[in-house]
PDB file of N, CA and C in Angstrom:
ATOM      1  N   UNK A   1     124.948  37.992 108.752  1.00  0.00           N
ATOM      2  CA  UNK A   1     124.242  38.164 109.965  1.00  0.00           C
ATOM      3  C   UNK A   1     123.554  39.466 109.936  1.00  0.00           C
ATOM      4  N   UNK A   2     122.311  39.389 110.560  1.00  0.00           N
ATOM      5  CA  UNK A   2     121.392  40.555 110.515  1.00  0.00           C
ATOM      6  C   UNK A   2     122.099  41.793 111.305  1.00  0.00           C
ATOM      7  N   UNK A   3     122.729  41.499 112.322  1.00  0.00           N
ATOM      8  CA  UNK A   3     123.315  42.617 113.178  1.00  0.00           C
ATOM      9  C   UNK A   3     124.343  43.391 112.339  1.00  0.00           C
ATOM     10  N   UNK A   4     125.153  42.697 111.474  1.00  0.00           N
ATOM     11  CA  UNK A   4     126.093  43.451 110.669  1.00  0.00           C
ATOM     12  C   UNK A   4     125.396  44.228 109.586  1.00  0.00           C
ATOM     13  N   UNK A   5     124.332  43.748 109.001  1.00  0.00           N
ATOM     14  CA  UNK A   5     123.564  44.562 107.995  1.00  0.00           C
ATOM     15  C   UNK A   5     122.951  45.805 108.713  1.00  0.00           C
ATOM     16  N   UNK A   6     122.463  45.636 109.900  1.00  0.00           N
ATOM     17  CA  UNK A   6     121.994  46.855 110.644  1.00  0.00           C
ATOM     18  C   UNK A   6     123.074  47.820 110.833  1.00  0.00           C
ATOM     19  N   UNK A   7     124.230  47.351 111.290  1.00  0.00           N
ATOM     20  CA  UNK A   7     125.304  48.276 111.561  1.00  0.00           C
ATOM     21  C   UNK A   7     125.748  48.996 110.194  1.00  0.00           C
ATOM     22  N   UNK A   8     125.861  48.281 109.192  1.00  0.00           N
ATOM     23  CA  UNK A   8     126.191  48.771 107.909  1.00  0.00           C
ATOM     24  C   UNK A   8     125.263  49.917 107.409  1.00  0.00           C
ATOM     25  N   UNK A   9     123.981  49.611 107.676  1.00  0.00           N
ATOM     26  CA  UNK A   9     122.909  50.594 107.196  1.00  0.00           C
ATOM     27  C   UNK A   9     123.020  51.845 108.077  1.00  0.00           C
ATOM     28  N   UNK A  10     123.059  51.649 109.310  1.00  0.00           N
ATOM     29  CA  UNK A  10     123.059  52.842 110.275  1.00  0.00           C
ATOM     30  C   UNK A  10     124.413  53.599 110.152  1.00  0.00           C
ATOM     31  N   UNK A  11     125.409  52.950 109.974  1.00  0.00           N
ATOM     32  CA  UNK A  11     126.714  53.684 109.914  1.00  0.00           C
ATOM     33  C   UNK A  11     126.829  54.643 108.686  1.00  0.00           C
ATOM     34  N   UNK A  12     126.138  54.297 107.618  1.00  0.00           N
ATOM     35  CA  UNK A  12     126.027  55.212 106.441  1.00  0.00           C
ATOM     36  C   UNK A  12     125.139  56.421 106.614  1.00  0.00           C
ATOM     37  N   UNK A  13     124.417  56.532 107.685  1.00  0.00           N
ATOM     38  CA  UNK A  13     123.482  57.652 107.997  1.00  0.00           C
ATOM     39  C   UNK A  13     123.785  58.295 109.304  1.00  0.00           C
ATOM     40  N   UNK A  14     124.709  59.135 109.365  1.00  0.00           N
ATOM     41  CA  UNK A  14     125.171  59.832 110.651  1.00  0.00           C
ATOM     42  C   UNK A  14     124.076  60.537 111.316  1.00  0.00           C
ATOM     43  N   UNK A  15     123.060  61.056 110.461  1.00  0.00           N
ATOM     44  CA  UNK A  15     121.977  61.852 111.120  1.00  0.00           C
ATOM     45  C   UNK A  15     121.137  60.838 111.973  1.00  0.00           C
ATOM     46  N   UNK A  16     121.195  59.615 111.703  1.00  0.00           N
ATOM     47  CA  UNK A  16     120.309  58.669 112.444  1.00  0.00           C
ATOM     48  C   UNK A  16     121.109  58.070 113.638  1.00  0.00           C
ATOM     49  N   UNK A  17     122.386  58.296 113.851  1.00  0.00           N
ATOM     50  CA  UNK A  17     123.153  57.803 114.893  1.00  0.00           C
ATOM     51  C   UNK A  17     122.474  58.058 116.325  1.00  0.00           C
ATOM     52  N   UNK A  18     122.111  59.381 116.636  1.00  0.00           N
ATOM     53  CA  UNK A  18     121.627  59.641 117.870  1.00  0.00           C
ATOM     54  C   UNK A  18     120.279  58.842 118.143  1.00  0.00           C
ATOM     55  N   UNK A  19     119.499  58.739 117.105  1.00  0.00           N
ATOM     56  CA  UNK A  19     118.217  57.938 117.286  1.00  0.00           C
ATOM     57  C   UNK A  19     118.456  56.451 117.476  1.00  0.00           C
ATOM     58  N   UNK A  20     119.438  56.025 116.775  1.00  0.00           N
ATOM     59  CA  UNK A  20     119.875  54.589 116.832  1.00  0.00           C
ATOM     60  C   UNK A  20     120.336  54.292 118.336  1.00  0.00           C
ATOM     61  N   UNK A  21     121.110  55.161 118.877  1.00  0.00           N
ATOM     62  CA  UNK A  21     121.465  55.022 120.262  1.00  0.00           C
ATOM     63  C   UNK A  21     120.357  55.054 121.198  1.00  0.00           C
ATOM     64  N   UNK A  22     119.379  56.021 121.022  1.00  0.00           N
ATOM     65  CA  UNK A  22     118.205  56.134 121.854  1.00  0.00           C
ATOM     66  C   UNK A  22     117.385  54.846 121.755  1.00  0.00           C
ATOM     67  N   UNK A  23     117.236  54.356 120.562  1.00  0.00           N
ATOM     68  CA  UNK A  23     116.445  53.112 120.329  1.00  0.00           C
ATOM     69  C   UNK A  23     117.205  51.948 121.000  1.00  0.00           C
ATOM     70  N   UNK A  24     118.508  51.881 120.937  1.00  0.00           N
ATOM     71  CA  UNK A  24     119.156  50.839 121.633  1.00  0.00           C
ATOM     72  C   UNK A  24     118.945  50.773 123.115  1.00  0.00           C
ATOM     73  N   UNK A  25     119.014  52.033 123.652  1.00  0.00           N
ATOM     74  CA  UNK A  25     118.715  52.122 125.082  1.00  0.00           C
ATOM     75  C   UNK A  25     117.302  51.787 125.510  1.00  0.00           C
ATOM     76  N   UNK A  26     116.295  52.247 124.575  1.00  0.00           N
ATOM     77  CA  UNK A  26     114.927  51.954 124.892  1.00  0.00           C
ATOM     78  C   UNK A  26     114.647  50.440 124.812  1.00  0.00           C
ATOM     79  N   UNK A  27     115.306  49.750 123.898  1.00  0.00           N
ATOM     80  CA  UNK A  27     114.989  48.341 123.750  1.00  0.00           C
ATOM     81  C   UNK A  27     115.928  47.437 124.698  1.00  0.00           C
ATOM     82  N   UNK A  28     116.822  48.052 125.267  1.00  0.00           N
ATOM     83  CA  UNK A  28     117.651  47.245 126.159  1.00  0.00           C
ATOM     84  C   UNK A  28     117.068  46.892 127.467  1.00  0.00           C
ATOM     85  N   UNK A  29     116.958  45.592 127.891  1.00  0.00           N
ATOM     86  CA  UNK A  29     116.324  45.212 129.116  1.00  0.00           C
ATOM     87  C   UNK A  29     117.043  45.819 130.361  1.00  0.00           C
ATOM     88  N   UNK A  30     116.332  46.040 131.390  1.00  0.00           N
ATOM     89  CA  UNK A  30     116.895  46.442 132.580  1.00  0.00           C
ATOM     90  C   UNK A  30     117.793  45.371 133.137  1.00  0.00           C
ATOM     91  N   UNK A  31     118.945  45.786 133.807  1.00  0.00           N
ATOM     92  CA  UNK A  31     119.888  44.876 134.387  1.00  0.00           C
ATOM     93  C   UNK A  31     120.373  43.821 133.415  1.00  0.00           C
ATOM     94  N   UNK A  32     120.632  44.195 132.195  1.00  0.00           N
ATOM     95  CA  UNK A  32     121.019  43.269 131.149  1.00  0.00           C
ATOM     96  C   UNK A  32     122.311  42.579 131.521  1.00  0.00           C
ATOM     97  N   UNK A  33     123.213  43.204 132.335  1.00  0.00           N
ATOM     98  CA  UNK A  33     124.468  42.682 132.619  1.00  0.00           C
ATOM     99  C   UNK A  33     124.381  41.463 133.627  1.00  0.00           C
ATOM    100  N   UNK A  34     123.206  41.131 134.118  1.00  0.00           N
ATOM    101  CA  UNK A  34     123.012  40.061 135.039  1.00  0.00           C
ATOM    102  C   UNK A  34     122.573  38.777 134.370  1.00  0.00           C
ATOM    103  N   UNK A  35     122.245  38.798 132.938  1.00  0.00           N
ATOM    104  CA  UNK A  35     121.689  37.674 132.365  1.00  0.00           C
ATOM    105  C   UNK A  35     122.548  37.444 131.052  1.00  0.00           C
ATOM    106  N   UNK A  36     122.818  36.207 130.804  1.00  0.00           N
ATOM    107  CA  UNK A  36     123.516  35.803 129.563  1.00  0.00           C
ATOM    108  C   UNK A  36     122.645  36.207 128.417  1.00  0.00           C
ATOM    109  N   UNK A  37     123.235  36.698 127.331  1.00  0.00           N
ATOM    110  CA  UNK A  37     124.717  36.682 126.973  1.00  0.00           C
ATOM    111  C   UNK A  37     125.436  37.974 127.425  1.00  0.00           C
ATOM    112  N   UNK A  38     124.952  38.575 128.473  1.00  0.00           N
ATOM    113  CA  UNK A  38     125.584  39.745 128.996  1.00  0.00           C
ATOM    114  C   UNK A  38     125.908  40.887 127.986  1.00  0.00           C
ATOM    115  N   UNK A  39     124.936  41.128 127.101  1.00  0.00           N
ATOM    116  CA  UNK A  39     125.065  42.197 126.045  1.00  0.00           C
ATOM    117  C   UNK A  39     123.819  43.077 126.110  1.00  0.00           C
ATOM    118  N   UNK A  40     123.883  44.325 125.910  1.00  0.00           N
ATOM    119  CA  UNK A  40     122.742  45.139 125.924  1.00  0.00           C
ATOM    120  C   UNK A  40     121.782  44.984 124.690  1.00  0.00           C
ATOM    121  N   UNK A  41     121.206  43.825 124.570  1.00  0.00           N
ATOM    122  CA  UNK A  41     120.339  43.502 123.421  1.00  0.00           C
ATOM    123  C   UNK A  41     119.051  42.991 123.931  1.00  0.00           C
ATOM    124  N   UNK A  42     117.998  43.240 123.279  1.00  0.00           N
ATOM    125  CA  UNK A  42     116.570  42.705 123.659  1.00  0.00           C
ATOM    126  C   UNK A  42     116.644  41.209 123.735  1.00  0.00           C
ATOM    127  N   UNK A  43     115.828  40.724 124.703  1.00  0.00           N
ATOM    128  CA  UNK A  43     115.731  39.256 124.887  1.00  0.00           C
ATOM    129  C   UNK A  43     115.038  38.639 123.739  1.00  0.00           C
ATOM    130  N   UNK A  44     115.340  37.460 123.404  1.00  0.00           N
ATOM    131  CA  UNK A  44     114.802  36.666 122.331  1.00  0.00           C
ATOM    132  C   UNK A  44     113.165  36.673 122.367  1.00  0.00           C
ATOM    133  N   UNK A  45     112.486  36.292 123.358  1.00  0.00           N
ATOM    134  CA  UNK A  45     110.981  36.327 123.373  1.00  0.00           C
ATOM    135  C   UNK A  45     110.452  37.702 122.973  1.00  0.00           C
ATOM    136  N   UNK A  46     111.153  38.769 123.388  1.00  0.00           N
ATOM    137  CA  UNK A  46     110.662  40.089 123.003  1.00  0.00           C
ATOM    138  C   UNK A  46     110.878  40.378 121.481  1.00  0.00           C
ATOM    139  N   UNK A  47     111.995  39.945 120.865  1.00  0.00           N
ATOM    140  CA  UNK A  47     112.234  40.053 119.543  1.00  0.00           C
ATOM    141  C   UNK A  47     111.279  39.297 118.742  1.00  0.00           C
ATOM    142  N   UNK A  48     111.105  38.034 119.178  1.00  0.00           N
ATOM    143  CA  UNK A  48     110.130  37.247 118.473  1.00  0.00           C
ATOM    144  C   UNK A  48     108.688  37.830 118.466  1.00  0.00           C
ATOM    145  N   UNK A  49     108.292  38.324 119.528  1.00  0.00           N
ATOM    146  CA  UNK A  49     106.999  39.075 119.601  1.00  0.00           C
ATOM    147  C   UNK A  49     106.965  40.273 118.597  1.00  0.00           C
ATOM    148  N   UNK A  50     108.003  41.073 118.612  1.00  0.00           N
ATOM    149  CA  UNK A  50     108.112  42.185 117.737  1.00  0.00           C
ATOM    150  C   UNK A  50     107.988  41.752 116.285  1.00  0.00           C
ATOM    151  N   UNK A  51     108.738  40.679 115.973  1.00  0.00           N
ATOM    152  CA  UNK A  51     108.629  40.196 114.593  1.00  0.00           C
ATOM    153  C   UNK A  51     107.301  39.645 114.194  1.00  0.00           C
ATOM    154  N   UNK A  52     106.714  38.973 115.193  1.00  0.00           N
ATOM    155  CA  UNK A  52     105.380  38.445 114.919  1.00  0.00           C
ATOM    156  C   UNK A  52     104.355  39.530 114.707  1.00  0.00           C
ATOM    157  N   UNK A  53     104.350  40.631 115.482  1.00  0.00           N
ATOM    158  CA  UNK A  53     103.499  41.752 115.220  1.00  0.00           C
ATOM    159  C   UNK A  53     103.797  42.489 114.084  1.00  0.00           C
ATOM    160  N   UNK A  54     105.012  42.718 113.708  1.00  0.00           N
ATOM    161  CA  UNK A  54     105.353  43.512 112.519  1.00  0.00           C
ATOM    162  C   UNK A  54     105.211  42.749 111.143  1.00  0.00           C
ATOM    163  N   UNK A  55     105.582  41.448 111.195  1.00  0.00           N
ATOM    164  CA  UNK A  55     105.682  40.728 109.947  1.00  0.00           C
ATOM    165  C   UNK A  55     104.753  39.542 109.840  1.00  0.00           C
ATOM    166  N   UNK A  56     104.160  39.177 110.916  1.00  0.00           N
ATOM    167  CA  UNK A  56     103.228  38.021 110.916  1.00  0.00           C
ATOM    168  C   UNK A  56     103.903  36.735 111.238  1.00  0.00           C
ATOM    169  N   UNK A  57     105.235  36.691 111.375  1.00  0.00           N
ATOM    170  CA  UNK A  57     106.034  35.591 111.703  1.00  0.00           C
ATOM    171  C   UNK A  57     107.079  35.799 112.637  1.00  0.00           C
ATOM    172  N   UNK A  58     107.287  35.089 113.699  1.00  0.00           N
ATOM    173  CA  UNK A  58     108.429  35.275 114.586  1.00  0.00           C
ATOM    174  C   UNK A  58     109.796  34.929 113.974  1.00  0.00           C
ATOM    175  N   UNK A  59     109.692  34.212 112.892  1.00  0.00           N
ATOM    176  CA  UNK A  59     110.950  33.773 112.194  1.00  0.00           C
ATOM    177  C   UNK A  59     111.277  34.685 111.012  1.00  0.00           C
ATOM    178  N   UNK A  60     110.562  35.799 110.788  1.00  0.00           N
ATOM    179  CA  UNK A  60     110.778  36.677 109.708  1.00  0.00           C
ATOM    180  C   UNK A  60     112.204  37.352 109.788  1.00  0.00           C
ATOM    181  N   UNK A  61     112.710  37.672 108.540  1.00  0.00           N
ATOM    182  CA  UNK A  61     114.042  38.286 108.535  1.00  0.00           C
ATOM    183  C   UNK A  61     113.652  39.722 107.864  1.00  0.00           C
ATOM    184  N   UNK A  62     113.588  40.775 108.737  1.00  0.00           N
ATOM    185  CA  UNK A  62     113.279  42.020 108.233  1.00  0.00           C
ATOM    186  C   UNK A  62     114.439  42.583 107.306  1.00  0.00           C
ATOM    187  N   UNK A  63     114.082  43.349 106.407  1.00  0.00           N
ATOM    188  CA  UNK A  63     115.040  44.064 105.607  1.00  0.00           C
ATOM    189  C   UNK A  63     115.770  45.224 106.434  1.00  0.00           C
ATOM    190  N   UNK A  64     116.967  45.471 106.164  1.00  0.00           N
ATOM    191  CA  UNK A  64     117.675  46.508 106.899  1.00  0.00           C
ATOM    192  C   UNK A  64     117.049  47.850 106.581  1.00  0.00           C
ATOM    193  N   UNK A  65     116.491  47.949 105.466  1.00  0.00           N
ATOM    194  CA  UNK A  65     115.769  49.244 105.106  1.00  0.00           C
ATOM    195  C   UNK A  65     114.638  49.540 106.027  1.00  0.00           C
ATOM    196  N   UNK A  66     114.046  48.572 106.548  1.00  0.00           N
ATOM    197  CA  UNK A  66     112.957  48.740 107.516  1.00  0.00           C
ATOM    198  C   UNK A  66     113.468  49.359 108.823  1.00  0.00           C
ATOM    199  N   UNK A  67     114.713  49.023 109.186  1.00  0.00           N
ATOM    200  CA  UNK A  67     115.286  49.720 110.375  1.00  0.00           C
ATOM    201  C   UNK A  67     115.465  51.188 110.074  1.00  0.00           C
ATOM    202  N   UNK A  68     115.826  51.550 108.884  1.00  0.00           N
ATOM    203  CA  UNK A  68     116.094  52.961 108.582  1.00  0.00           C
ATOM    204  C   UNK A  68     114.733  53.747 108.701  1.00  0.00           C
ATOM    205  N   UNK A  69     113.714  53.059 108.094  1.00  0.00           N
ATOM    206  CA  UNK A  69     112.335  53.705 108.149  1.00  0.00           C
ATOM    207  C   UNK A  69     111.819  53.873 109.595  1.00  0.00           C
ATOM    208  N   UNK A  70     112.115  52.860 110.450  1.00  0.00           N
ATOM    209  CA  UNK A  70     111.765  52.838 111.831  1.00  0.00           C
ATOM    210  C   UNK A  70     112.539  53.929 112.619  1.00  0.00           C
ATOM    211  N   UNK A  71     113.711  54.069 112.371  1.00  0.00           N
ATOM    212  CA  UNK A  71     114.563  55.150 112.990  1.00  0.00           C
ATOM    213  C   UNK A  71     114.078  56.539 112.576  1.00  0.00           C
ATOM    214  N   UNK A  72     113.888  56.653 111.291  1.00  0.00           N
ATOM    215  CA  UNK A  72     113.366  57.972 110.811  1.00  0.00           C
ATOM    216  C   UNK A  72     112.023  58.254 111.388  1.00  0.00           C
ATOM    217  N   UNK A  73     111.199  57.251 111.475  1.00  0.00           N
ATOM    218  CA  UNK A  73     109.821  57.500 112.059  1.00  0.00           C
ATOM    219  C   UNK A  73     110.049  57.927 113.562  1.00  0.00           C
ATOM    220  N   UNK A  74     110.874  57.317 114.293  1.00  0.00           N
ATOM    221  CA  UNK A  74     111.054  57.605 115.700  1.00  0.00           C
ATOM    222  C   UNK A  74     111.642  59.105 115.839  1.00  0.00           C
ATOM    223  N   UNK A  75     112.555  59.377 114.958  1.00  0.00           N
ATOM    224  CA  UNK A  75     113.143  60.714 114.948  1.00  0.00           C
ATOM    225  C   UNK A  75     112.080  61.753 114.667  1.00  0.00           C
ATOM    226  N   UNK A  76     111.180  61.480 113.659  1.00  0.00           N
ATOM    227  CA  UNK A  76     110.185  62.446 113.391  1.00  0.00           C
ATOM    228  C   UNK A  76     109.156  62.602 114.453  1.00  0.00           C
ATOM    229  N   UNK A  77     109.025  61.616 115.292  1.00  0.00           N
ATOM    230  CA  UNK A  77     108.089  61.629 116.448  1.00  0.00           C
ATOM    231  C   UNK A  77     108.552  62.563 117.549  1.00  0.00           C
ATOM    232  N   UNK A  78     109.736  62.914 117.533  1.00  0.00           N
ATOM    233  CA  UNK A  78     110.335  63.852 118.639  1.00  0.00           C
ATOM    234  C   UNK A  78     109.892  65.235 118.424  1.00  0.00           C
TER     235      UNK A  78
END
């Protein structure tokens, strides 16, 4: 599952933990606790749009290394 590969990649890079948490908060929908699946994760239409714009297909499976590059980029932008 992609979520576990994300967790594995991020857990190995403690310097990215704060940025990973900031990113999770930024991508979490408002009032997430009121909608199934009652988890602080982005909604499926938003994720499909992000995959479409980044990879050209809403069904793309991004590499976990792309997440590292994205988190490093966000960190560098601060």
